Amino acid sequence: MTLFTDLGFQWDRAAIPKAMPTHSIKRVCFRFHRMLPEFVWDASVLEGNPFTFPEVKTLLDGVTVGGRKISDQEQILNLADSSKYLLSLVQQERFALDKVTFCNLHRIVARNEALEWGVFRGEGEETHYTPDAALGEKGRYTPLSTVAGAPELNRVFAAGTRALAGQVDNAFERGCAFFLFGALQQFFFDGNKRTSRFMMNGVLMSNGIDAISVPAQRAGDFNEKMVHFYTSKDATEMMAFLVECHPGAQ
C-alpha cells in the first residue's frame, strides 16, 4: 500500500465517513472567525498553557493579563495570529497542502518558542539535534534524525503530500491524515501538532468543511490516543476521535 508506506502509518479507510456536511467557503470561514477565541484556547490547553478561556478572550481583545508568564502569553498570541493567517489564505483561495504554506504557518505558530521556526529540521543553523516526544510509560518516540539540508525529511514530505493528493479524494480524510503525518514525522523542532492541525483545517475549510478544534475537556483523550498512534503507527483510533470532534458529527 503506497499511501501507508509514504505516510509512515495506516488506518481503516472504510471507517472514514464518506461525506461530511459541506457549506460555502464564506460560511466555514465565518464560523472559524467567530469561534477563534475558543479554537485558540482549546489549542493552548493541549499545550499545557495555563490561560483560562476568559483570559484568552481578554488577551485577544488587546488587554494584557496580569500574573501570567510572557512565554504563555506569546503562545496564545501566536496561535491567534496563525489562525488569522490561515483564515486569510482560505478566504483568498491561496491555501495549499505544500511546504511553503506549512513552513509559513510554523513561522507564526512557533515564533520564539521552537529552537528554529519556519524551516524543516536541518535547514537552519542547527543540523544535529533530533528532538523526541515523551510518551509516559511507553517511553519516547524519536523521529527521523536531523541532518544538514533535511534531504530525508524533504523526501518524506514530498512523497507523503503527493500520496495524499493522488490517493485520498475524501477531503476530510486527507486533512486528518496530514495532521497525523506532520505529528508523526516531526518536520520541525517543536510545534508540529499545532502547525499540522492548522494545515488539516486549511484542507477542510478550503473544501467547505467546518474546521476541527479538539475540545479542552478532551485533552486527556487526545494525548492518550496520540501515544497509541505513535507506538502502533495505526491511526484508526485517532481518525475516529477527530470525527467525534467535528461539529458535523454532533
Foldseek 3Di string as FASTA:
>chain_A
DLQCVLLVFAEDPVPFDPDFDFDDLVVQLVVCVVCVLQLLVLVLLLVVQPDDSVQLVCVVVVHHDPPHDPVSSLLSVLSSVLSVVLSVCLVVVNQDLDLQLLQVSQCSNQPVNFPDGSAFQQADDHQFDWDWAQLPPVGIFTADTRHHPPPVVVVSSVSNVVCLVPPPPHLLVSLLSQLLSQVQRVRGRDDRNVSSLSSSQSSQSSRRFHRFGQGSVCSVVQSNLNSVCRVPSYCHVVSVSRCVRGPSND
